[in-house]
Amino acid sequence: MTSTASPVAPEALACVCGEPLADDVNDRGVVTVEGLAIAFRRRTDYVMCCMCLVFYRVGDLRIGRVRPLTLMEIKFLNEIESAEERDAVAAL
């Protein structure tokens, strides 16, 4: 993945527990702490802290918002995504 300028400094991408979440987050995806580039496409793509298992939306991290999600938020976002996918298939 070709890196584009990230609005977030890598040191700012830390979990509430202090563990690093990613080396970089940009419009193409996430570069993990281990250096693996992962492309993300949906608003329901997440990064999970490997120490405390807290989830963060990739879309939030892209804009510098490092805020953990609750399980209810994850459920709600996934329901919206599923409904949009069903509607798109039904429109075919």
PDB file of N, CA and C in Angstrom:
ATOM      1  N   MET A   1       0.853  -1.171   0.000  1.00  0.00           N
ATOM      2  CA  MET A   1       0.000   0.000   0.000  1.00  0.00           C
ATOM      3  C   MET A   1       0.892   1.224   0.000  1.00  0.00           C
ATOM      4  N   THR A   2       0.632   2.163  -0.870  1.00  0.00           N
ATOM      5  CA  THR A   2       1.365   3.411  -0.906  1.00  0.00           C
ATOM      6  C   THR A   2       0.820   4.314   0.179  1.00  0.00           C
ATOM      7  N   SER A   3       1.677   4.810   1.014  1.00  0.00           N
ATOM      8  CA  SER A   3       1.216   5.641   2.119  1.00  0.00           C
ATOM      9  C   SER A   3       0.922   7.053   1.641  1.00  0.00           C
ATOM     10  N   THR A   4      -0.178   7.581   2.112  1.00  0.00           N
ATOM     11  CA  THR A   4      -0.482   8.987   1.898  1.00  0.00           C
ATOM     12  C   THR A   4      -0.397   9.660   3.242  1.00  0.00           C
ATOM     13  N   ALA A   5      -0.299  10.952   3.246  1.00  0.00           N
ATOM     14  CA  ALA A   5      -0.133  11.673   4.501  1.00  0.00           C
ATOM     15  C   ALA A   5      -1.286  11.377   5.449  1.00  0.00           C
ATOM     16  N   SER A   6      -0.949  10.950   6.635  1.00  0.00           N
ATOM     17  CA  SER A   6      -1.956  10.650   7.649  1.00  0.00           C
ATOM     18  C   SER A   6      -2.182  11.889   8.497  1.00  0.00           C
ATOM     19  N   PRO A   7      -3.451  12.199   8.824  1.00  0.00           N
ATOM     20  CA  PRO A   7      -3.709  13.354   9.660  1.00  0.00           C
ATOM     21  C   PRO A   7      -3.335  13.111  11.119  1.00  0.00           C
ATOM     22  N   VAL A   8      -2.989  11.862  11.458  1.00  0.00           N
ATOM     23  CA  VAL A   8      -2.723  11.500  12.839  1.00  0.00           C
ATOM     24  C   VAL A   8      -1.271  11.070  12.985  1.00  0.00           C
ATOM     25  N   ALA A   9      -0.591  11.650  13.967  1.00  0.00           N
ATOM     26  CA  ALA A   9       0.773  11.210  14.251  1.00  0.00           C
ATOM     27  C   ALA A   9       0.713   9.802  14.836  1.00  0.00           C
ATOM     28  N   PRO A  10       1.626   8.901  14.423  1.00  0.00           N
ATOM     29  CA  PRO A  10       1.575   7.524  14.910  1.00  0.00           C
ATOM     30  C   PRO A  10       1.527   7.398  16.422  1.00  0.00           C
ATOM     31  N   GLU A  11       2.223   8.254  17.139  1.00  0.00           N
ATOM     32  CA  GLU A  11       2.203   8.147  18.596  1.00  0.00           C
ATOM     33  C   GLU A  11       0.832   8.473  19.178  1.00  0.00           C
ATOM     34  N   ALA A  12      -0.032   9.131  18.398  1.00  0.00           N
ATOM     35  CA  ALA A  12      -1.376   9.441  18.868  1.00  0.00           C
ATOM     36  C   ALA A  12      -2.313   8.251  18.722  1.00  0.00           C
ATOM     37  N   LEU A  13      -1.899   7.229  17.973  1.00  0.00           N
ATOM     38  CA  LEU A  13      -2.752   6.072  17.732  1.00  0.00           C
ATOM     39  C   LEU A  13      -2.533   5.017  18.808  1.00  0.00           C
ATOM     40  N   ALA A  14      -2.891   5.369  20.018  1.00  0.00           N
ATOM     41  CA  ALA A  14      -2.745   4.451  21.137  1.00  0.00           C
ATOM     42  C   ALA A  14      -4.096   4.209  21.786  1.00  0.00           C
ATOM     43  N   CYS A  15      -4.288   3.003  22.260  1.00  0.00           N
ATOM     44  CA  CYS A  15      -5.510   2.611  22.953  1.00  0.00           C
ATOM     45  C   CYS A  15      -5.604   3.339  24.292  1.00  0.00           C
ATOM     46  N   VAL A  16      -6.783   3.312  24.875  1.00  0.00           N
ATOM     47  CA  VAL A  16      -6.965   3.915  26.194  1.00  0.00           C
ATOM     48  C   VAL A  16      -6.089   3.233  27.239  1.00  0.00           C
ATOM     49  N   CYS A  17      -5.672   1.967  26.974  1.00  0.00           N
ATOM     50  CA  CYS A  17      -4.792   1.260  27.906  1.00  0.00           C
ATOM     51  C   CYS A  17      -3.326   1.618  27.686  1.00  0.00           C
ATOM     52  N   GLY A  18      -3.032   2.380  26.600  1.00  0.00           N
ATOM     53  CA  GLY A  18      -1.670   2.801  26.308  1.00  0.00           C
ATOM     54  C   GLY A  18      -0.977   1.987  25.233  1.00  0.00           C
ATOM     55  N   GLU A  19      -1.556   0.858  24.843  1.00  0.00           N
ATOM     56  CA  GLU A  19      -0.968  -0.005  23.809  1.00  0.00           C
ATOM     57  C   GLU A  19      -1.116   0.656  22.438  1.00  0.00           C
ATOM     58  N   PRO A  20      -0.070   0.634  21.591  1.00  0.00           N
ATOM     59  CA  PRO A  20      -0.191   1.190  20.238  1.00  0.00           C
ATOM     60  C   PRO A  20      -1.250   0.439  19.428  1.00  0.00           C
ATOM     61  N   LEU A  21      -2.064   1.180  18.645  1.00  0.00           N
ATOM     62  CA  LEU A  21      -3.096   0.569  17.805  1.00  0.00           C
ATOM     63  C   LEU A  21      -2.593   0.302  16.395  1.00  0.00           C
ATOM     64  N   ALA A  22      -1.837   1.231  15.843  1.00  0.00           N
ATOM     65  CA  ALA A  22      -1.356   1.105  14.464  1.00  0.00           C
ATOM     66  C   ALA A  22      -0.203   2.068  14.256  1.00  0.00           C
ATOM     67  N   ASP A  23       0.619   1.766  13.244  1.00  0.00           N
ATOM     68  CA  ASP A  23       1.701   2.682  12.882  1.00  0.00           C
ATOM     69  C   ASP A  23       1.180   3.838  12.033  1.00  0.00           C
ATOM     70  N   ASP A  24       0.144   3.568  11.218  1.00  0.00           N
ATOM     71  CA  ASP A  24      -0.400   4.611  10.353  1.00  0.00           C
ATOM     72  C   ASP A  24      -1.828   4.245   9.966  1.00  0.00           C
ATOM     73  N   VAL A  25      -2.654   5.258   9.813  1.00  0.00           N
ATOM     74  CA  VAL A  25      -4.005   5.105   9.282  1.00  0.00           C
ATOM     75  C   VAL A  25      -4.176   6.200   8.247  1.00  0.00           C
ATOM     76  N   ASN A  26      -4.558   5.787   7.022  1.00  0.00           N
ATOM     77  CA  ASN A  26      -4.755   6.783   5.972  1.00  0.00           C
ATOM     78  C   ASN A  26      -5.989   6.414   5.163  1.00  0.00           C
ATOM     79  N   ASP A  27      -6.214   7.098   4.063  1.00  0.00           N
ATOM     80  CA  ASP A  27      -7.419   6.861   3.273  1.00  0.00           C
ATOM     81  C   ASP A  27      -7.447   5.493   2.611  1.00  0.00           C
ATOM     82  N   ARG A  28      -6.343   4.796   2.578  1.00  0.00           N
ATOM     83  CA  ARG A  28      -6.294   3.466   1.940  1.00  0.00           C
ATOM     84  C   ARG A  28      -6.382   2.334   2.942  1.00  0.00           C
ATOM     85  N   GLY A  29      -6.102   2.592   4.208  1.00  0.00           N
ATOM     86  CA  GLY A  29      -6.166   1.524   5.197  1.00  0.00           C
ATOM     87  C   GLY A  29      -5.321   1.796   6.416  1.00  0.00           C
ATOM     88  N   VAL A  30      -4.846   0.705   7.001  1.00  0.00           N
ATOM     89  CA  VAL A  30      -4.102   0.756   8.260  1.00  0.00           C
ATOM     90  C   VAL A  30      -2.778   0.034   8.071  1.00  0.00           C
ATOM     91  N   VAL A  31      -1.732   0.580   8.666  1.00  0.00           N
ATOM     92  CA  VAL A  31      -0.454  -0.118   8.757  1.00  0.00           C
ATOM     93  C   VAL A  31      -0.315  -0.542  10.213  1.00  0.00           C
ATOM     94  N   THR A  32      -0.279  -1.852  10.438  1.00  0.00           N
ATOM     95  CA  THR A  32      -0.230  -2.365  11.802  1.00  0.00           C
ATOM     96  C   THR A  32       1.104  -2.049  12.466  1.00  0.00           C
ATOM     97  N   VAL A  33       1.155  -2.263  13.759  1.00  0.00           N
ATOM     98  CA  VAL A  33       2.383  -2.039  14.517  1.00  0.00           C
ATOM     99  C   VAL A  33       3.501  -2.926  13.975  1.00  0.00           C
ATOM    100  N   GLU A  34       3.142  -4.084  13.443  1.00  0.00           N
ATOM    101  CA  GLU A  34       4.133  -5.004  12.864  1.00  0.00           C
ATOM    102  C   GLU A  34       4.517  -4.628  11.439  1.00  0.00           C
ATOM    103  N   GLY A  35       3.886  -3.574  10.860  1.00  0.00           N
ATOM    104  CA  GLY A  35       4.219  -3.120   9.518  1.00  0.00           C
ATOM    105  C   GLY A  35       3.379  -3.706   8.406  1.00  0.00           C
ATOM    106  N   LEU A  36       2.349  -4.478   8.733  1.00  0.00           N
ATOM    107  CA  LEU A  36       1.473  -5.081   7.732  1.00  0.00           C
ATOM    108  C   LEU A  36       0.443  -4.057   7.252  1.00  0.00           C
ATOM    109  N   ALA A  37       0.353  -3.854   5.938  1.00  0.00           N
ATOM    110  CA  ALA A  37      -0.619  -2.918   5.359  1.00  0.00           C
ATOM    111  C   ALA A  37      -1.930  -3.654   5.098  1.00  0.00           C
ATOM    112  N   ILE A  38      -3.025  -3.138   5.642  1.00  0.00           N
ATOM    113  CA  ILE A  38      -4.341  -3.742   5.487  1.00  0.00           C
ATOM    114  C   ILE A  38      -5.286  -2.692   4.922  1.00  0.00           C
ATOM    115  N   ALA A  39      -5.901  -2.996   3.783  1.00  0.00           N
ATOM    116  CA  ALA A  39      -6.860  -2.072   3.162  1.00  0.00           C
ATOM    117  C   ALA A  39      -8.224  -2.231   3.828  1.00  0.00           C
ATOM    118  N   PHE A  40      -8.863  -1.117   4.140  1.00  0.00           N
ATOM    119  CA  PHE A  40     -10.204  -1.122   4.693  1.00  0.00           C
ATOM    120  C   PHE A  40     -11.111  -0.350   3.761  1.00  0.00           C
ATOM    121  N   ARG A  41     -12.337  -0.843   3.581  1.00  0.00           N
ATOM    122  CA  ARG A  41     -13.258  -0.242   2.621  1.00  0.00           C
ATOM    123  C   ARG A  41     -14.588   0.190   3.223  1.00  0.00           C
ATOM    124  N   ARG A  42     -15.008  -0.442   4.304  1.00  0.00           N
ATOM    125  CA  ARG A  42     -16.340  -0.181   4.849  1.00  0.00           C
ATOM    126  C   ARG A  42     -16.258   0.674   6.099  1.00  0.00           C
ATOM    127  N   ARG A  43     -17.352   1.335   6.413  1.00  0.00           N
ATOM    128  CA  ARG A  43     -17.362   2.131   7.644  1.00  0.00           C
ATOM    129  C   ARG A  43     -17.414   1.247   8.879  1.00  0.00           C
ATOM    130  N   THR A  44     -17.707  -0.048   8.697  1.00  0.00           N
ATOM    131  CA  THR A  44     -17.751  -0.960   9.831  1.00  0.00           C
ATOM    132  C   THR A  44     -16.451  -1.746   9.985  1.00  0.00           C
ATOM    133  N   ASP A  45     -15.355  -1.237   9.448  1.00  0.00           N
ATOM    134  CA  ASP A  45     -14.058  -1.865   9.667  1.00  0.00           C
ATOM    135  C   ASP A  45     -13.473  -1.325  10.969  1.00  0.00           C
ATOM    136  N   TYR A  46     -12.851  -2.232  11.711  1.00  0.00           N
ATOM    137  CA  TYR A  46     -12.367  -1.886  13.041  1.00  0.00           C
ATOM    138  C   TYR A  46     -10.909  -2.268  13.232  1.00  0.00           C
ATOM    139  N   VAL A  47     -10.296  -1.601  14.211  1.00  0.00           N
ATOM    140  CA  VAL A  47      -8.993  -1.990  14.736  1.00  0.00           C
ATOM    141  C   VAL A  47      -9.254  -2.382  16.179  1.00  0.00           C
ATOM    142  N   MET A  48      -8.650  -3.501  16.596  1.00  0.00           N
ATOM    143  CA  MET A  48      -8.838  -3.962  17.965  1.00  0.00           C
ATOM    144  C   MET A  48      -7.511  -3.927  18.699  1.00  0.00           C
ATOM    145  N   CYS A  49      -7.534  -3.453  19.913  1.00  0.00           N
ATOM    146  CA  CYS A  49      -6.333  -3.447  20.748  1.00  0.00           C
ATOM    147  C   CYS A  49      -5.982  -4.885  21.118  1.00  0.00           C
ATOM    148  N   CYS A  50      -4.722  -5.259  20.911  1.00  0.00           N
ATOM    149  CA  CYS A  50      -4.305  -6.637  21.187  1.00  0.00           C
ATOM    150  C   CYS A  50      -4.151  -6.910  22.685  1.00  0.00           C
ATOM    151  N   MET A  51      -4.141  -5.872  23.499  1.00  0.00           N
ATOM    152  CA  MET A  51      -3.970  -6.080  24.940  1.00  0.00           C
ATOM    153  C   MET A  51      -5.297  -6.135  25.692  1.00  0.00           C
ATOM    154  N   CYS A  52      -6.182  -5.167  25.438  1.00  0.00           N
ATOM    155  CA  CYS A  52      -7.428  -5.098  26.217  1.00  0.00           C
ATOM    156  C   CYS A  52      -8.671  -5.416  25.385  1.00  0.00           C
ATOM    157  N   LEU A  53      -8.496  -5.678  24.075  1.00  0.00           N
ATOM    158  CA  LEU A  53      -9.564  -6.093  23.166  1.00  0.00           C
ATOM    159  C   LEU A  53     -10.648  -5.036  22.949  1.00  0.00           C
ATOM    160  N   VAL A  54     -10.294  -3.777  23.083  1.00  0.00           N
ATOM    161  CA  VAL A  54     -11.218  -2.676  22.809  1.00  0.00           C
ATOM    162  C   VAL A  54     -11.197  -2.402  21.301  1.00  0.00           C
ATOM    163  N   PHE A  55     -12.375  -2.093  20.737  1.00  0.00           N
ATOM    164  CA  PHE A  55     -12.506  -1.818  19.299  1.00  0.00           C
ATOM    165  C   PHE A  55     -12.533  -0.325  19.018  1.00  0.00           C
ATOM    166  N   TYR A  56     -11.960   0.050  17.847  1.00  0.00           N
ATOM    167  CA  TYR A  56     -11.967   1.424  17.355  1.00  0.00           C
ATOM    168  C   TYR A  56     -12.367   1.394  15.885  1.00  0.00           C
ATOM    169  N   ARG A  57     -13.209   2.329  15.459  1.00  0.00           N
ATOM    170  CA  ARG A  57     -13.576   2.426  14.041  1.00  0.00           C
ATOM    171  C   ARG A  57     -12.396   2.981  13.249  1.00  0.00           C
ATOM    172  N   VAL A  58     -12.096   2.354  12.107  1.00  0.00           N
ATOM    173  CA  VAL A  58     -11.026   2.846  11.242  1.00  0.00           C
ATOM    174  C   VAL A  58     -11.361   4.266  10.770  1.00  0.00           C
ATOM    175  N   GLY A  59     -12.635   4.517  10.442  1.00  0.00           N
ATOM    176  CA  GLY A  59     -13.053   5.855  10.008  1.00  0.00           C
ATOM    177  C   GLY A  59     -12.752   6.919  11.045  1.00  0.00           C
ATOM    178  N   ASP A  60     -12.925   6.594  12.311  1.00  0.00           N
ATOM    179  CA  ASP A  60     -12.595   7.542  13.382  1.00  0.00           C
ATOM    180  C   ASP A  60     -11.093   7.773  13.465  1.00  0.00           C
ATOM    181  N   LEU A  61     -10.320   6.703  13.389  1.00  0.00           N
ATOM    182  CA  LEU A  61      -8.862   6.827  13.476  1.00  0.00           C
ATOM    183  C   LEU A  61      -8.307   7.658  12.328  1.00  0.00           C
ATOM    184  N   ARG A  62      -8.919   7.538  11.140  1.00  0.00           N
ATOM    185  CA  ARG A  62      -8.456   8.316   9.981  1.00  0.00           C
ATOM    186  C   ARG A  62      -8.518   9.814  10.231  1.00  0.00           C
ATOM    187  N   ILE A  63      -9.495  10.259  10.998  1.00  0.00           N
ATOM    188  CA  ILE A  63      -9.653  11.700  11.257  1.00  0.00           C
ATOM    189  C   ILE A  63      -9.057  12.113  12.603  1.00  0.00           C
ATOM    190  N   GLY A  64      -8.323  11.191  13.242  1.00  0.00           N
ATOM    191  CA  GLY A  64      -7.660  11.520  14.496  1.00  0.00           C
ATOM    192  C   GLY A  64      -8.501  11.327  15.735  1.00  0.00           C
ATOM    193  N   ARG A  65      -9.647  10.709  15.578  1.00  0.00           N
ATOM    194  CA  ARG A  65     -10.545  10.482  16.709  1.00  0.00           C
ATOM    195  C   ARG A  65     -10.269   9.095  17.274  1.00  0.00           C
ATOM    196  N   VAL A  66      -9.598   9.046  18.414  1.00  0.00           N
ATOM    197  CA  VAL A  66      -9.255   7.776  19.062  1.00  0.00           C
ATOM    198  C   VAL A  66     -10.229   7.584  20.215  1.00  0.00           C
ATOM    199  N   ARG A  67     -11.378   6.947  19.880  1.00  0.00           N
ATOM    200  CA  ARG A  67     -12.434   6.745  20.869  1.00  0.00           C
ATOM    201  C   ARG A  67     -12.905   5.295  20.797  1.00  0.00           C
ATOM    202  N   PRO A  68     -12.846   4.584  21.935  1.00  0.00           N
ATOM    203  CA  PRO A  68     -13.288   3.185  21.917  1.00  0.00           C
ATOM    204  C   PRO A  68     -14.792   3.092  21.672  1.00  0.00           C
ATOM    205  N   LEU A  69     -15.195   1.999  21.018  1.00  0.00           N
ATOM    206  CA  LEU A  69     -16.606   1.749  20.754  1.00  0.00           C
ATOM    207  C   LEU A  69     -17.192   0.834  21.814  1.00  0.00           C
ATOM    208  N   THR A  70     -18.463   1.046  22.098  1.00  0.00           N
ATOM    209  CA  THR A  70     -19.175   0.124  22.973  1.00  0.00           C
ATOM    210  C   THR A  70     -19.725  -1.018  22.119  1.00  0.00           C
ATOM    211  N   LEU A  71     -20.089  -2.103  22.736  1.00  0.00           N
ATOM    212  CA  LEU A  71     -20.676  -3.220  21.993  1.00  0.00           C
ATOM    213  C   LEU A  71     -21.980  -2.816  21.317  1.00  0.00           C
ATOM    214  N   MET A  72     -22.760  -1.943  21.931  1.00  0.00           N
ATOM    215  CA  MET A  72     -24.011  -1.484  21.331  1.00  0.00           C
ATOM    216  C   MET A  72     -23.741  -0.672  20.064  1.00  0.00           C
ATOM    217  N   GLU A  73     -22.701   0.149  20.062  1.00  0.00           N
ATOM    218  CA  GLU A  73     -22.342   0.919  18.873  1.00  0.00           C
ATOM    219  C   GLU A  73     -21.914  -0.007  17.729  1.00  0.00           C
ATOM    220  N   ILE A  74     -21.130  -1.018  18.044  1.00  0.00           N
ATOM    221  CA  ILE A  74     -20.688  -1.963  17.024  1.00  0.00           C
ATOM    222  C   ILE A  74     -21.897  -2.690  16.441  1.00  0.00           C
ATOM    223  N   LYS A  75     -22.801  -3.137  17.292  1.00  0.00           N
ATOM    224  CA  LYS A  75     -24.011  -3.829  16.830  1.00  0.00           C
ATOM    225  C   LYS A  75     -24.832  -2.916  15.917  1.00  0.00           C
ATOM    226  N   PHE A  76     -25.022  -1.672  16.326  1.00  0.00           N
ATOM    227  CA  PHE A  76     -25.800  -0.716  15.550  1.00  0.00           C
ATOM    228  C   PHE A  76     -25.155  -0.454  14.187  1.00  0.00           C
ATOM    229  N   LEU A  77     -23.854  -0.210  14.161  1.00  0.00           N
ATOM    230  CA  LEU A  77     -23.151   0.053  12.900  1.00  0.00           C
ATOM    231  C   LEU A  77     -23.218  -1.152  11.963  1.00  0.00           C
ATOM    232  N   ASN A  78     -23.103  -2.349  12.506  1.00  0.00           N
ATOM    233  CA  ASN A  78     -23.191  -3.549  11.677  1.00  0.00           C
ATOM    234  C   ASN A  78     -24.600  -3.745  11.127  1.00  0.00           C
ATOM    235  N   GLU A  79     -25.615  -3.411  11.902  1.00  0.00           N
ATOM    236  CA  GLU A  79     -26.999  -3.512  11.417  1.00  0.00           C
ATOM    237  C   GLU A  79     -27.243  -2.543  10.269  1.00  0.00           C
ATOM    238  N   ILE A  80     -26.715  -1.335  10.371  1.00  0.00           N
ATOM    239  CA  ILE A  80     -26.854  -0.357   9.284  1.00  0.00           C
ATOM    240  C   ILE A  80     -26.179  -0.877   8.020  1.00  0.00           C
ATOM    241  N   GLU A  81     -24.974  -1.389   8.162  1.00  0.00           N
ATOM    242  CA  GLU A  81     -24.229  -1.919   7.013  1.00  0.00           C
ATOM    243  C   GLU A  81     -24.988  -3.080   6.371  1.00  0.00           C
ATOM    244  N   SER A  82     -25.535  -3.982   7.175  1.00  0.00           N
ATOM    245  CA  SER A  82     -26.290  -5.122   6.640  1.00  0.00           C
ATOM    246  C   SER A  82     -27.532  -4.667   5.896  1.00  0.00           C
ATOM    247  N   ALA A  83     -28.237  -3.686   6.448  1.00  0.00           N
ATOM    248  CA  ALA A  83     -29.442  -3.175   5.790  1.00  0.00           C
ATOM    249  C   ALA A  83     -29.098  -2.524   4.456  1.00  0.00           C
ATOM    250  N   GLU A  84     -28.015  -1.779   4.401  1.00  0.00           N
ATOM    251  CA  GLU A  84     -27.596  -1.143   3.147  1.00  0.00           C
ATOM    252  C   GLU A  84     -27.213  -2.186   2.103  1.00  0.00           C
ATOM    253  N   GLU A  85     -26.554  -3.251   2.528  1.00  0.00           N
ATOM    254  CA  GLU A  85     -26.186  -4.317   1.593  1.00  0.00           C
ATOM    255  C   GLU A  85     -27.426  -5.034   1.073  1.00  0.00           C
ATOM    256  N   ARG A  86     -28.417  -5.303   1.939  1.00  0.00           N
ATOM    257  CA  ARG A  86     -29.665  -5.938   1.499  1.00  0.00           C
ATOM    258  C   ARG A  86     -30.396  -5.058   0.489  1.00  0.00           C
ATOM    259  N   ASP A  87     -30.445  -3.755   0.759  1.00  0.00           N
ATOM    260  CA  ASP A  87     -31.117  -2.827  -0.145  1.00  0.00           C
ATOM    261  C   ASP A  87     -30.422  -2.793  -1.507  1.00  0.00           C
ATOM    262  N   ALA A  88     -29.101  -2.816  -1.508  1.00  0.00           N
ATOM    263  CA  ALA A  88     -28.354  -2.780  -2.765  1.00  0.00           C
ATOM    264  C   ALA A  88     -28.609  -4.044  -3.583  1.00  0.00           C
ATOM    265  N   VAL A  89     -28.656  -5.186  -2.924  1.00  0.00           N
ATOM    266  CA  VAL A  89     -28.913  -6.447  -3.619  1.00  0.00           C
ATOM    267  C   VAL A  89     -30.351  -6.461  -4.151  1.00  0.00           C
ATOM    268  N   ALA A  90     -31.308  -5.979  -3.366  1.00  0.00           N
ATOM    269  CA  ALA A  90     -32.711  -5.962  -3.770  1.00  0.00           C
ATOM    270  C   ALA A  90     -32.935  -5.054  -4.978  1.00  0.00           C
ATOM    271  N   ALA A  91     -32.094  -4.027  -5.099  1.00  0.00           N
ATOM    272  CA  ALA A  91     -32.248  -3.071  -6.208  1.00  0.00           C
ATOM    273  C   ALA A  91     -31.698  -3.623  -7.533  1.00  0.00           C
ATOM    274  N   LEU A  92     -30.998  -4.747  -7.491  1.00  0.00           N
ATOM    275  CA  LEU A  92     -30.422  -5.310  -8.719  1.00  0.00           C
ATOM    276  C   LEU A  92     -31.464  -5.890  -9.633  1.00  0.00           C
TER     277      LEU A  92
END
